[in-house]
Amino acid sequence: MIKLYLDEDVHKKVASALRLKGYDVISAHEVQKQSLDDYQQLEYSIFEQMAIFTFNAGDFKRLHEEYMKAGKNHFGIFVSKQIPLGETIKRLTKFLFSHSSEETKNHIFWI
């Protein structure tokens, strides 16, 4: 099962809703990490062995490419444009249900 970390741009209600569906999810807001920059957000998710979900697609695509060039691992990066709360929950639920942590390791996905 994929463990998921939501960066600061994602509403903390998404974490609550996904936990109610049985997923292991935390929000940057819940662990007081909302002031970290993108690199630090990714590093925190790696430290916690979690994939990360963000609306900041451009910066995280660049970070993913840098990590791959440097031979550094991450647990998955999931990106999306800003979409309504309900649609975010729906798309993440569908993705988490249909993918494994092994499939997402060191990959970036558009949700």
PDB file of N, CA and C in Angstrom:
ATOM      1  N   MET A   1       0.843  -1.188   0.000  1.00  0.00           N
ATOM      2  CA  MET A   1       0.000   0.000   0.000  1.00  0.00           C
ATOM      3  C   MET A   1       0.888   1.251   0.000  1.00  0.00           C
ATOM      4  N   ILE A   2       0.488   2.227  -0.769  1.00  0.00           N
ATOM      5  CA  ILE A   2       1.222   3.486  -0.858  1.00  0.00           C
ATOM      6  C   ILE A   2       0.942   4.332   0.364  1.00  0.00           C
ATOM      7  N   LYS A   3       2.012   4.798   0.991  1.00  0.00           N
ATOM      8  CA  LYS A   3       1.897   5.792   2.061  1.00  0.00           C
ATOM      9  C   LYS A   3       2.073   7.147   1.404  1.00  0.00           C
ATOM     10  N   LEU A   4       1.206   8.108   1.731  1.00  0.00           N
ATOM     11  CA  LEU A   4       1.170   9.364   0.994  1.00  0.00           C
ATOM     12  C   LEU A   4       1.299  10.583   1.905  1.00  0.00           C
ATOM     13  N   TYR A   5       2.151  11.488   1.465  1.00  0.00           N
ATOM     14  CA  TYR A   5       2.365  12.774   2.129  1.00  0.00           C
ATOM     15  C   TYR A   5       1.831  13.867   1.212  1.00  0.00           C
ATOM     16  N   LEU A   6       0.989  14.743   1.733  1.00  0.00           N
ATOM     17  CA  LEU A   6       0.425  15.845   0.961  1.00  0.00           C
ATOM     18  C   LEU A   6       1.186  17.116   1.283  1.00  0.00           C
ATOM     19  N   ASP A   7       1.708  17.788   0.259  1.00  0.00           N
ATOM     20  CA  ASP A   7       2.457  19.004   0.547  1.00  0.00           C
ATOM     21  C   ASP A   7       1.503  20.131   0.953  1.00  0.00           C
ATOM     22  N   GLU A   8       2.067  21.262   1.291  1.00  0.00           N
ATOM     23  CA  GLU A   8       1.300  22.346   1.913  1.00  0.00           C
ATOM     24  C   GLU A   8       0.214  22.943   1.037  1.00  0.00           C
ATOM     25  N   ASP A   9       0.308  22.792  -0.283  1.00  0.00           N
ATOM     26  CA  ASP A   9      -0.704  23.359  -1.177  1.00  0.00           C
ATOM     27  C   ASP A   9      -1.997  22.548  -1.198  1.00  0.00           C
ATOM     28  N   VAL A  10      -1.938  21.330  -0.699  1.00  0.00           N
ATOM     29  CA  VAL A  10      -3.095  20.437  -0.720  1.00  0.00           C
ATOM     30  C   VAL A  10      -3.854  20.585   0.594  1.00  0.00           C
ATOM     31  N   HIS A  11      -5.158  20.810   0.493  1.00  0.00           N
ATOM     32  CA  HIS A  11      -5.975  21.033   1.693  1.00  0.00           C
ATOM     33  C   HIS A  11      -5.902  19.820   2.624  1.00  0.00           C
ATOM     34  N   LYS A  12      -5.782  20.092   3.916  1.00  0.00           N
ATOM     35  CA  LYS A  12      -5.653  18.996   4.891  1.00  0.00           C
ATOM     36  C   LYS A  12      -6.886  18.098   4.950  1.00  0.00           C
ATOM     37  N   LYS A  13      -8.026  18.575   4.456  1.00  0.00           N
ATOM     38  CA  LYS A  13      -9.228  17.722   4.415  1.00  0.00           C
ATOM     39  C   LYS A  13      -9.038  16.523   3.493  1.00  0.00           C
ATOM     40  N   VAL A  14      -8.144  16.643   2.515  1.00  0.00           N
ATOM     41  CA  VAL A  14      -7.865  15.517   1.609  1.00  0.00           C
ATOM     42  C   VAL A  14      -7.279  14.361   2.421  1.00  0.00           C
ATOM     43  N   ALA A  15      -6.363  14.669   3.330  1.00  0.00           N
ATOM     44  CA  ALA A  15      -5.763  13.624   4.169  1.00  0.00           C
ATOM     45  C   ALA A  15      -6.821  12.940   5.018  1.00  0.00           C
ATOM     46  N   SER A  16      -7.684  13.713   5.631  1.00  0.00           N
ATOM     47  CA  SER A  16      -8.748  13.138   6.467  1.00  0.00           C
ATOM     48  C   SER A  16      -9.660  12.227   5.665  1.00  0.00           C
ATOM     49  N   ALA A  17     -10.052  12.691   4.484  1.00  0.00           N
ATOM     50  CA  ALA A  17     -10.962  11.904   3.643  1.00  0.00           C
ATOM     51  C   ALA A  17     -10.311  10.598   3.205  1.00  0.00           C
ATOM     52  N   LEU A  18      -9.052  10.649   2.821  1.00  0.00           N
ATOM     53  CA  LEU A  18      -8.369   9.426   2.381  1.00  0.00           C
ATOM     54  C   LEU A  18      -8.143   8.459   3.537  1.00  0.00           C
ATOM     55  N   ARG A  19      -7.867   8.984   4.724  1.00  0.00           N
ATOM     56  CA  ARG A  19      -7.720   8.102   5.899  1.00  0.00           C
ATOM     57  C   ARG A  19      -9.034   7.381   6.194  1.00  0.00           C
ATOM     58  N   LEU A  20     -10.158   8.073   6.019  1.00  0.00           N
ATOM     59  CA  LEU A  20     -11.461   7.433   6.228  1.00  0.00           C
ATOM     60  C   LEU A  20     -11.681   6.273   5.260  1.00  0.00           C
ATOM     61  N   LYS A  21     -11.009   6.320   4.120  1.00  0.00           N
ATOM     62  CA  LYS A  21     -11.093   5.246   3.130  1.00  0.00           C
ATOM     63  C   LYS A  21     -10.039   4.166   3.370  1.00  0.00           C
ATOM     64  N   GLY A  22      -9.243   4.320   4.436  1.00  0.00           N
ATOM     65  CA  GLY A  22      -8.286   3.291   4.814  1.00  0.00           C
ATOM     66  C   GLY A  22      -6.859   3.516   4.347  1.00  0.00           C
ATOM     67  N   TYR A  23      -6.574   4.682   3.773  1.00  0.00           N
ATOM     68  CA  TYR A  23      -5.222   4.952   3.277  1.00  0.00           C
ATOM     69  C   TYR A  23      -4.361   5.626   4.344  1.00  0.00           C
ATOM     70  N   ASP A  24      -3.055   5.383   4.260  1.00  0.00           N
ATOM     71  CA  ASP A  24      -2.068   5.950   5.181  1.00  0.00           C
ATOM     72  C   ASP A  24      -1.608   7.285   4.591  1.00  0.00           C
ATOM     73  N   VAL A  25      -2.168   8.375   5.069  1.00  0.00           N
ATOM     74  CA  VAL A  25      -1.938   9.700   4.500  1.00  0.00           C
ATOM     75  C   VAL A  25      -1.722  10.716   5.610  1.00  0.00           C
ATOM     76  N   ILE A  26      -0.730  11.607   5.408  1.00  0.00           N
ATOM     77  CA  ILE A  26      -0.562  12.753   6.303  1.00  0.00           C
ATOM     78  C   ILE A  26      -0.410  14.011   5.459  1.00  0.00           C
ATOM     79  N   SER A  27      -0.739  15.109   6.063  1.00  0.00           N
ATOM     80  CA  SER A  27      -0.649  16.408   5.412  1.00  0.00           C
ATOM     81  C   SER A  27       0.485  17.211   6.036  1.00  0.00           C
ATOM     82  N   ALA A  28       1.140  18.037   5.227  1.00  0.00           N
ATOM     83  CA  ALA A  28       2.179  18.936   5.750  1.00  0.00           C
ATOM     84  C   ALA A  28       1.629  19.779   6.899  1.00  0.00           C
ATOM     85  N   HIS A  29       0.355  20.127   6.824  1.00  0.00           N
ATOM     86  CA  HIS A  29      -0.273  20.942   7.872  1.00  0.00           C
ATOM     87  C   HIS A  29      -0.356  20.185   9.203  1.00  0.00           C
ATOM     88  N   GLU A  30      -0.555  18.883   9.122  1.00  0.00           N
ATOM     89  CA  GLU A  30      -0.708  18.075  10.334  1.00  0.00           C
ATOM     90  C   GLU A  30       0.608  17.857  11.067  1.00  0.00           C
ATOM     91  N   VAL A  31       1.713  17.947  10.341  1.00  0.00           N
ATOM     92  CA  VAL A  31       3.026  17.715  10.953  1.00  0.00           C
ATOM     93  C   VAL A  31       3.871  18.998  10.961  1.00  0.00           C
ATOM     94  N   GLN A  32       3.193  20.126  10.806  1.00  0.00           N
ATOM     95  CA  GLN A  32       3.816  21.449  10.849  1.00  0.00           C
ATOM     96  C   GLN A  32       5.021  21.576   9.902  1.00  0.00           C
ATOM     97  N   LYS A  33       4.849  21.127   8.669  1.00  0.00           N
ATOM     98  CA  LYS A  33       5.915  21.201   7.662  1.00  0.00           C
ATOM     99  C   LYS A  33       5.547  22.144   6.520  1.00  0.00           C
ATOM    100  N   GLN A  34       4.523  22.988   6.707  1.00  0.00           N
ATOM    101  CA  GLN A  34       4.060  23.820   5.612  1.00  0.00           C
ATOM    102  C   GLN A  34       5.027  24.933   5.214  1.00  0.00           C
ATOM    103  N   SER A  35       6.049  25.201   5.998  1.00  0.00           N
ATOM    104  CA  SER A  35       6.996  26.265   5.638  1.00  0.00           C
ATOM    105  C   SER A  35       8.212  25.751   4.869  1.00  0.00           C
ATOM    106  N   LEU A  36       8.281  24.447   4.619  1.00  0.00           N
ATOM    107  CA  LEU A  36       9.428  23.892   3.908  1.00  0.00           C
ATOM    108  C   LEU A  36       9.373  24.219   2.416  1.00  0.00           C
ATOM    109  N   ASP A  37      10.547  24.363   1.796  1.00  0.00           N
ATOM    110  CA  ASP A  37      10.564  24.542   0.344  1.00  0.00           C
ATOM    111  C   ASP A  37      10.346  23.178  -0.327  1.00  0.00           C
ATOM    112  N   ASP A  38      10.237  23.180  -1.658  1.00  0.00           N
ATOM    113  CA  ASP A  38       9.902  21.951  -2.383  1.00  0.00           C
ATOM    114  C   ASP A  38      10.919  20.839  -2.141  1.00  0.00           C
ATOM    115  N   TYR A  39      12.198  21.181  -2.188  1.00  0.00           N
ATOM    116  CA  TYR A  39      13.246  20.190  -1.947  1.00  0.00           C
ATOM    117  C   TYR A  39      13.092  19.576  -0.551  1.00  0.00           C
ATOM    118  N   GLN A  40      12.850  20.426   0.446  1.00  0.00           N
ATOM    119  CA  GLN A  40      12.688  19.933   1.818  1.00  0.00           C
ATOM    120  C   GLN A  40      11.426  19.090   1.957  1.00  0.00           C
ATOM    121  N   GLN A  41      10.361  19.460   1.237  1.00  0.00           N
ATOM    122  CA  GLN A  41       9.136  18.653   1.270  1.00  0.00           C
ATOM    123  C   GLN A  41       9.416  17.251   0.729  1.00  0.00           C
ATOM    124  N   LEU A  42      10.129  17.184  -0.391  1.00  0.00           N
ATOM    125  CA  LEU A  42      10.458  15.884  -0.972  1.00  0.00           C
ATOM    126  C   LEU A  42      11.373  15.091  -0.045  1.00  0.00           C
ATOM    127  N   GLU A  43      12.355  15.747   0.522  1.00  0.00           N
ATOM    128  CA  GLU A  43      13.260  15.068   1.460  1.00  0.00           C
ATOM    129  C   GLU A  43      12.504  14.529   2.677  1.00  0.00           C
ATOM    130  N   TYR A  44      11.547  15.302   3.182  1.00  0.00           N
ATOM    131  CA  TYR A  44      10.749  14.832   4.318  1.00  0.00           C
ATOM    132  C   TYR A  44       9.951  13.591   3.925  1.00  0.00           C
ATOM    133  N   SER A  45       9.338  13.614   2.727  1.00  0.00           N
ATOM    134  CA  SER A  45       8.552  12.450   2.302  1.00  0.00           C
ATOM    135  C   SER A  45       9.451  11.223   2.160  1.00  0.00           C
ATOM    136  N   ILE A  46      10.675  11.420   1.696  1.00  0.00           N
ATOM    137  CA  ILE A  46      11.620  10.309   1.565  1.00  0.00           C
ATOM    138  C   ILE A  46      12.000   9.783   2.944  1.00  0.00           C
ATOM    139  N   PHE A  47      12.282  10.688   3.868  1.00  0.00           N
ATOM    140  CA  PHE A  47      12.632  10.284   5.234  1.00  0.00           C
ATOM    141  C   PHE A  47      11.511   9.441   5.852  1.00  0.00           C
ATOM    142  N   GLU A  48      10.269   9.818   5.572  1.00  0.00           N
ATOM    143  CA  GLU A  48       9.105   9.096   6.111  1.00  0.00           C
ATOM    144  C   GLU A  48       8.699   7.908   5.239  1.00  0.00           C
ATOM    145  N   GLN A  49       9.431   7.681   4.144  1.00  0.00           N
ATOM    146  CA  GLN A  49       9.149   6.593   3.200  1.00  0.00           C
ATOM    147  C   GLN A  49       7.745   6.692   2.624  1.00  0.00           C
ATOM    148  N   MET A  50       7.410   7.906   2.179  1.00  0.00           N
ATOM    149  CA  MET A  50       6.095   8.189   1.624  1.00  0.00           C
ATOM    150  C   MET A  50       6.226   8.808   0.243  1.00  0.00           C
ATOM    151  N   ALA A  51       5.265   8.517  -0.613  1.00  0.00           N
ATOM    152  CA  ALA A  51       5.125   9.252  -1.873  1.00  0.00           C
ATOM    153  C   ALA A  51       4.610  10.644  -1.511  1.00  0.00           C
ATOM    154  N   ILE A  52       4.774  11.594  -2.428  1.00  0.00           N
ATOM    155  CA  ILE A  52       4.299  12.946  -2.183  1.00  0.00           C
ATOM    156  C   ILE A  52       3.313  13.361  -3.265  1.00  0.00           C
ATOM    157  N   PHE A  53       2.276  14.091  -2.856  1.00  0.00           N
ATOM    158  CA  PHE A  53       1.305  14.654  -3.789  1.00  0.00           C
ATOM    159  C   PHE A  53       1.350  16.164  -3.691  1.00  0.00           C
ATOM    160  N   THR A  54       1.385  16.823  -4.856  1.00  0.00           N
ATOM    161  CA  THR A  54       1.493  18.275  -4.900  1.00  0.00           C
ATOM    162  C   THR A  54       0.772  18.834  -6.116  1.00  0.00           C
ATOM    163  N   PHE A  55       0.407  20.115  -6.040  1.00  0.00           N
ATOM    164  CA  PHE A  55      -0.113  20.832  -7.196  1.00  0.00           C
ATOM    165  C   PHE A  55       1.017  21.577  -7.918  1.00  0.00           C
ATOM    166  N   ASN A  56       2.213  21.513  -7.376  1.00  0.00           N
ATOM    167  CA  ASN A  56       3.363  22.237  -7.907  1.00  0.00           C
ATOM    168  C   ASN A  56       4.110  21.356  -8.923  1.00  0.00           C
ATOM    169  N   ALA A  57       3.463  21.123 -10.045  1.00  0.00           N
ATOM    170  CA  ALA A  57       3.963  20.154 -11.024  1.00  0.00           C
ATOM    171  C   ALA A  57       5.326  20.520 -11.593  1.00  0.00           C
ATOM    172  N   GLY A  58       5.518  21.751 -11.998  1.00  0.00           N
ATOM    173  CA  GLY A  58       6.761  22.145 -12.651  1.00  0.00           C
ATOM    174  C   GLY A  58       7.985  21.943 -11.785  1.00  0.00           C
ATOM    175  N   ASP A  59       7.929  22.421 -10.544  1.00  0.00           N
ATOM    176  CA  ASP A  59       9.076  22.304  -9.648  1.00  0.00           C
ATOM    177  C   ASP A  59       9.355  20.853  -9.270  1.00  0.00           C
ATOM    178  N   PHE A  60       8.306  20.068  -9.067  1.00  0.00           N
ATOM    179  CA  PHE A  60       8.530  18.677  -8.677  1.00  0.00           C
ATOM    180  C   PHE A  60       8.969  17.817  -9.862  1.00  0.00           C
ATOM    181  N   LYS A  61       8.577  18.179 -11.071  1.00  0.00           N
ATOM    182  CA  LYS A  61       9.097  17.493 -12.251  1.00  0.00           C
ATOM    183  C   LYS A  61      10.604  17.728 -12.338  1.00  0.00           C
ATOM    184  N   ARG A  62      11.028  18.960 -12.109  1.00  0.00           N
ATOM    185  CA  ARG A  62      12.450  19.292 -12.123  1.00  0.00           C
ATOM    186  C   ARG A  62      13.187  18.534 -11.017  1.00  0.00           C
ATOM    187  N   LEU A  63      12.618  18.498  -9.806  1.00  0.00           N
ATOM    188  CA  LEU A  63      13.251  17.760  -8.709  1.00  0.00           C
ATOM    189  C   LEU A  63      13.370  16.277  -9.042  1.00  0.00           C
ATOM    190  N   HIS A  64      12.324  15.704  -9.618  1.00  0.00           N
ATOM    191  CA  HIS A  64      12.357  14.294 -10.007  1.00  0.00           C
ATOM    192  C   HIS A  64      13.519  14.040 -10.972  1.00  0.00           C
ATOM    193  N   GLU A  65      13.637  14.895 -11.972  1.00  0.00           N
ATOM    194  CA  GLU A  65      14.717  14.734 -12.950  1.00  0.00           C
ATOM    195  C   GLU A  65      16.089  14.855 -12.289  1.00  0.00           C
ATOM    196  N   GLU A  66      16.237  15.808 -11.362  1.00  0.00           N
ATOM    197  CA  GLU A  66      17.500  15.964 -10.641  1.00  0.00           C
ATOM    198  C   GLU A  66      17.823  14.716  -9.812  1.00  0.00           C
ATOM    199  N   TYR A  67      16.822  14.170  -9.146  1.00  0.00           N
ATOM    200  CA  TYR A  67      17.034  12.974  -8.328  1.00  0.00           C
ATOM    201  C   TYR A  67      17.454  11.794  -9.197  1.00  0.00           C
ATOM    202  N   MET A  68      16.796  11.627 -10.341  1.00  0.00           N
ATOM    203  CA  MET A  68      17.118  10.504 -11.202  1.00  0.00           C
ATOM    204  C   MET A  68      18.545  10.644 -11.759  1.00  0.00           C
ATOM    205  N   LYS A  69      18.931  11.842 -12.161  1.00  0.00           N
ATOM    206  CA  LYS A  69      20.291  12.072 -12.671  1.00  0.00           C
ATOM    207  C   LYS A  69      21.341  11.813 -11.604  1.00  0.00           C
ATOM    208  N   ALA A  70      21.007  12.136 -10.361  1.00  0.00           N
ATOM    209  CA  ALA A  70      21.943  11.961  -9.251  1.00  0.00           C
ATOM    210  C   ALA A  70      21.904  10.548  -8.671  1.00  0.00           C
ATOM    211  N   GLY A  71      21.010   9.695  -9.159  1.00  0.00           N
ATOM    212  CA  GLY A  71      20.885   8.338  -8.631  1.00  0.00           C
ATOM    213  C   GLY A  71      20.235   8.287  -7.257  1.00  0.00           C
ATOM    214  N   LYS A  72      19.459   9.320  -6.921  1.00  0.00           N
ATOM    215  CA  LYS A  72      18.764   9.367  -5.634  1.00  0.00           C
ATOM    216  C   LYS A  72      17.360   8.791  -5.782  1.00  0.00           C
ATOM    217  N   ASN A  73      16.893   8.115  -4.772  1.00  0.00           N
ATOM    218  CA  ASN A  73      15.579   7.483  -4.786  1.00  0.00           C
ATOM    219  C   ASN A  73      14.524   8.338  -4.094  1.00  0.00           C
ATOM    220  N   HIS A  74      13.288   8.158  -4.532  1.00  0.00           N
ATOM    221  CA  HIS A  74      12.131   8.702  -3.816  1.00  0.00           C
ATOM    222  C   HIS A  74      11.012   7.670  -3.926  1.00  0.00           C
ATOM    223  N   PHE A  75       9.936   7.893  -3.211  1.00  0.00           N
ATOM    224  CA  PHE A  75       8.858   6.901  -3.126  1.00  0.00           C
ATOM    225  C   PHE A  75       7.685   7.208  -4.054  1.00  0.00           C
ATOM    226  N   GLY A  76       7.882   8.151  -4.962  1.00  0.00           N
ATOM    227  CA  GLY A  76       6.847   8.525  -5.922  1.00  0.00           C
ATOM    228  C   GLY A  76       6.455   9.973  -5.744  1.00  0.00           C
ATOM    229  N   ILE A  77       6.233  10.625  -6.878  1.00  0.00           N
ATOM    230  CA  ILE A  77       5.761  12.005  -6.879  1.00  0.00           C
ATOM    231  C   ILE A  77       4.492  12.028  -7.715  1.00  0.00           C
ATOM    232  N   PHE A  78       3.414  12.512  -7.120  1.00  0.00           N
ATOM    233  CA  PHE A  78       2.126  12.602  -7.799  1.00  0.00           C
ATOM    234  C   PHE A  78       1.796  14.081  -7.936  1.00  0.00           C
ATOM    235  N   VAL A  79       1.524  14.523  -9.138  1.00  0.00           N
ATOM    236  CA  VAL A  79       1.241  15.938  -9.387  1.00  0.00           C
ATOM    237  C   VAL A  79      -0.109  16.100 -10.064  1.00  0.00           C
ATOM    238  N   SER A  80      -0.679  17.282  -9.890  1.00  0.00           N
ATOM    239  CA  SER A  80      -1.959  17.617 -10.498  1.00  0.00           C
ATOM    240  C   SER A  80      -2.054  19.126 -10.607  1.00  0.00           C
ATOM    241  N   LYS A  81      -2.889  19.583 -11.532  1.00  0.00           N
ATOM    242  CA  LYS A  81      -3.242  20.996 -11.526  1.00  0.00           C
ATOM    243  C   LYS A  81      -4.188  21.220 -10.343  1.00  0.00           C
ATOM    244  N   GLN A  82      -4.387  22.458  -9.960  1.00  0.00           N
ATOM    245  CA  GLN A  82      -5.332  22.772  -8.881  1.00  0.00           C
ATOM    246  C   GLN A  82      -6.727  22.356  -9.336  1.00  0.00           C
ATOM    247  N   ILE A  83      -7.355  21.483  -8.579  1.00  0.00           N
ATOM    248  CA  ILE A  83      -8.705  21.013  -8.878  1.00  0.00           C
ATOM    249  C   ILE A  83      -9.518  21.064  -7.587  1.00  0.00           C
ATOM    250  N   PRO A  84     -10.851  21.028  -7.691  1.00  0.00           N
ATOM    251  CA  PRO A  84     -11.680  21.078  -6.481  1.00  0.00           C
ATOM    252  C   PRO A  84     -11.381  19.928  -5.514  1.00  0.00           C
ATOM    253  N   LEU A  85     -11.649  20.173  -4.259  1.00  0.00           N
ATOM    254  CA  LEU A  85     -11.379  19.229  -3.180  1.00  0.00           C
ATOM    255  C   LEU A  85     -11.951  17.841  -3.469  1.00  0.00           C
ATOM    256  N   GLY A  86     -13.211  17.769  -3.840  1.00  0.00           N
ATOM    257  CA  GLY A  86     -13.852  16.480  -4.112  1.00  0.00           C
ATOM    258  C   GLY A  86     -13.194  15.729  -5.253  1.00  0.00           C
ATOM    259  N   GLU A  87     -12.806  16.444  -6.292  1.00  0.00           N
ATOM    260  CA  GLU A  87     -12.153  15.820  -7.439  1.00  0.00           C
ATOM    261  C   GLU A  87     -10.759  15.329  -7.053  1.00  0.00           C
ATOM    262  N   THR A  88     -10.060  16.085  -6.216  1.00  0.00           N
ATOM    263  CA  THR A  88      -8.737  15.668  -5.726  1.00  0.00           C
ATOM    264  C   THR A  88      -8.855  14.343  -4.982  1.00  0.00           C
ATOM    265  N   ILE A  89      -9.813  14.250  -4.082  1.00  0.00           N
ATOM    266  CA  ILE A  89     -10.024  13.030  -3.293  1.00  0.00           C
ATOM    267  C   ILE A  89     -10.383  11.861  -4.220  1.00  0.00           C
ATOM    268  N   LYS A  90     -11.263  12.112  -5.174  1.00  0.00           N
ATOM    269  CA  LYS A  90     -11.689  11.065  -6.113  1.00  0.00           C
ATOM    270  C   LYS A  90     -10.503  10.539  -6.925  1.00  0.00           C
ATOM    271  N   ARG A  91      -9.706  11.435  -7.473  1.00  0.00           N
ATOM    272  CA  ARG A  91      -8.576  11.009  -8.307  1.00  0.00           C
ATOM    273  C   ARG A  91      -7.510  10.282  -7.490  1.00  0.00           C
ATOM    274  N   LEU A  92      -7.221  10.791  -6.297  1.00  0.00           N
ATOM    275  CA  LEU A  92      -6.218  10.125  -5.461  1.00  0.00           C
ATOM    276  C   LEU A  92      -6.698   8.752  -5.010  1.00  0.00           C
ATOM    277  N   THR A  93      -7.971   8.640  -4.653  1.00  0.00           N
ATOM    278  CA  THR A  93      -8.522   7.344  -4.250  1.00  0.00           C
ATOM    279  C   THR A  93      -8.372   6.331  -5.374  1.00  0.00           C
ATOM    280  N   LYS A  94      -8.741   6.733  -6.578  1.00  0.00           N
ATOM    281  CA  LYS A  94      -8.637   5.840  -7.732  1.00  0.00           C
ATOM    282  C   LYS A  94      -7.182   5.439  -7.968  1.00  0.00           C
ATOM    283  N   PHE A  95      -6.269   6.393  -7.874  1.00  0.00           N
ATOM    284  CA  PHE A  95      -4.860   6.104  -8.109  1.00  0.00           C
ATOM    285  C   PHE A  95      -4.302   5.180  -7.026  1.00  0.00           C
ATOM    286  N   LEU A  96      -4.558   5.489  -5.774  1.00  0.00           N
ATOM    287  CA  LEU A  96      -4.028   4.679  -4.671  1.00  0.00           C
ATOM    288  C   LEU A  96      -4.572   3.253  -4.716  1.00  0.00           C
ATOM    289  N   PHE A  97      -5.814   3.112  -5.140  1.00  0.00           N
ATOM    290  CA  PHE A  97      -6.427   1.794  -5.227  1.00  0.00           C
ATOM    291  C   PHE A  97      -5.773   0.945  -6.319  1.00  0.00           C
ATOM    292  N   SER A  98      -5.350   1.586  -7.406  1.00  0.00           N
ATOM    293  CA  SER A  98      -4.900   0.835  -8.576  1.00  0.00           C
ATOM    294  C   SER A  98      -3.377   0.747  -8.746  1.00  0.00           C
ATOM    295  N   HIS A  99      -2.610   1.289  -7.787  1.00  0.00           N
ATOM    296  CA  HIS A  99      -1.150   1.242  -7.878  1.00  0.00           C
ATOM    297  C   HIS A  99      -0.542   0.749  -6.566  1.00  0.00           C
ATOM    298  N   SER A 100       0.653   0.191  -6.688  1.00  0.00           N
ATOM    299  CA  SER A 100       1.378  -0.271  -5.492  1.00  0.00           C
ATOM    300  C   SER A 100       2.558   0.658  -5.232  1.00  0.00           C
ATOM    301  N   SER A 101       3.107   0.571  -4.040  1.00  0.00           N
ATOM    302  CA  SER A 101       4.270   1.390  -3.703  1.00  0.00           C
ATOM    303  C   SER A 101       5.468   1.034  -4.582  1.00  0.00           C
ATOM    304  N   GLU A 102       5.586  -0.224  -4.978  1.00  0.00           N
ATOM    305  CA  GLU A 102       6.693  -0.619  -5.850  1.00  0.00           C
ATOM    306  C   GLU A 102       6.561   0.006  -7.243  1.00  0.00           C
ATOM    307  N   GLU A 103       5.339   0.122  -7.725  1.00  0.00           N
ATOM    308  CA  GLU A 103       5.108   0.725  -9.045  1.00  0.00           C
ATOM    309  C   GLU A 103       5.428   2.215  -9.067  1.00  0.00           C
ATOM    310  N   THR A 104       5.280   2.869  -7.942  1.00  0.00           N
ATOM    311  CA  THR A 104       5.425   4.321  -7.913  1.00  0.00           C
ATOM    312  C   THR A 104       6.823   4.796  -7.529  1.00  0.00           C
ATOM    313  N   LYS A 105       7.623   3.913  -6.962  1.00  0.00           N
ATOM    314  CA  LYS A 105       8.961   4.303  -6.516  1.00  0.00           C
ATOM    315  C   LYS A 105       9.771   4.866  -7.688  1.00  0.00           C
ATOM    316  N   ASN A 106      10.352   6.037  -7.475  1.00  0.00           N
ATOM    317  CA  ASN A 106      11.199   6.727  -8.456  1.00  0.00           C
ATOM    318  C   ASN A 106      10.485   7.125  -9.740  1.00  0.00           C
ATOM    319  N   HIS A 107       9.164   7.255  -9.681  1.00  0.00           N
ATOM    320  CA  HIS A 107       8.383   7.694 -10.836  1.00  0.00           C
ATOM    321  C   HIS A 107       7.573   8.931 -10.475  1.00  0.00           C
ATOM    322  N   ILE A 108       7.220   9.677 -11.498  1.00  0.00           N
ATOM    323  CA  ILE A 108       6.330  10.828 -11.337  1.00  0.00           C
ATOM    324  C   ILE A 108       5.061  10.544 -12.131  1.00  0.00           C
ATOM    325  N   PHE A 109       3.924  10.870 -11.551  1.00  0.00           N
ATOM    326  CA  PHE A 109       2.624  10.579 -12.157  1.00  0.00           C
ATOM    327  C   PHE A 109       1.760  11.836 -12.166  1.00  0.00           C
ATOM    328  N   TRP A 110       1.059  12.022 -13.253  1.00  0.00           N
ATOM    329  CA  TRP A 110       0.055  13.084 -13.341  1.00  0.00           C
ATOM    330  C   TRP A 110      -1.272  12.480 -12.889  1.00  0.00           C
ATOM    331  N   ILE A 111      -1.856  13.047 -11.851  1.00  0.00           N
ATOM    332  CA  ILE A 111      -3.102  12.518 -11.276  1.00  0.00           C
ATOM    333  C   ILE A 111      -4.297  13.285 -11.836  1.00  0.00           C
TER     334      ILE A 111
END
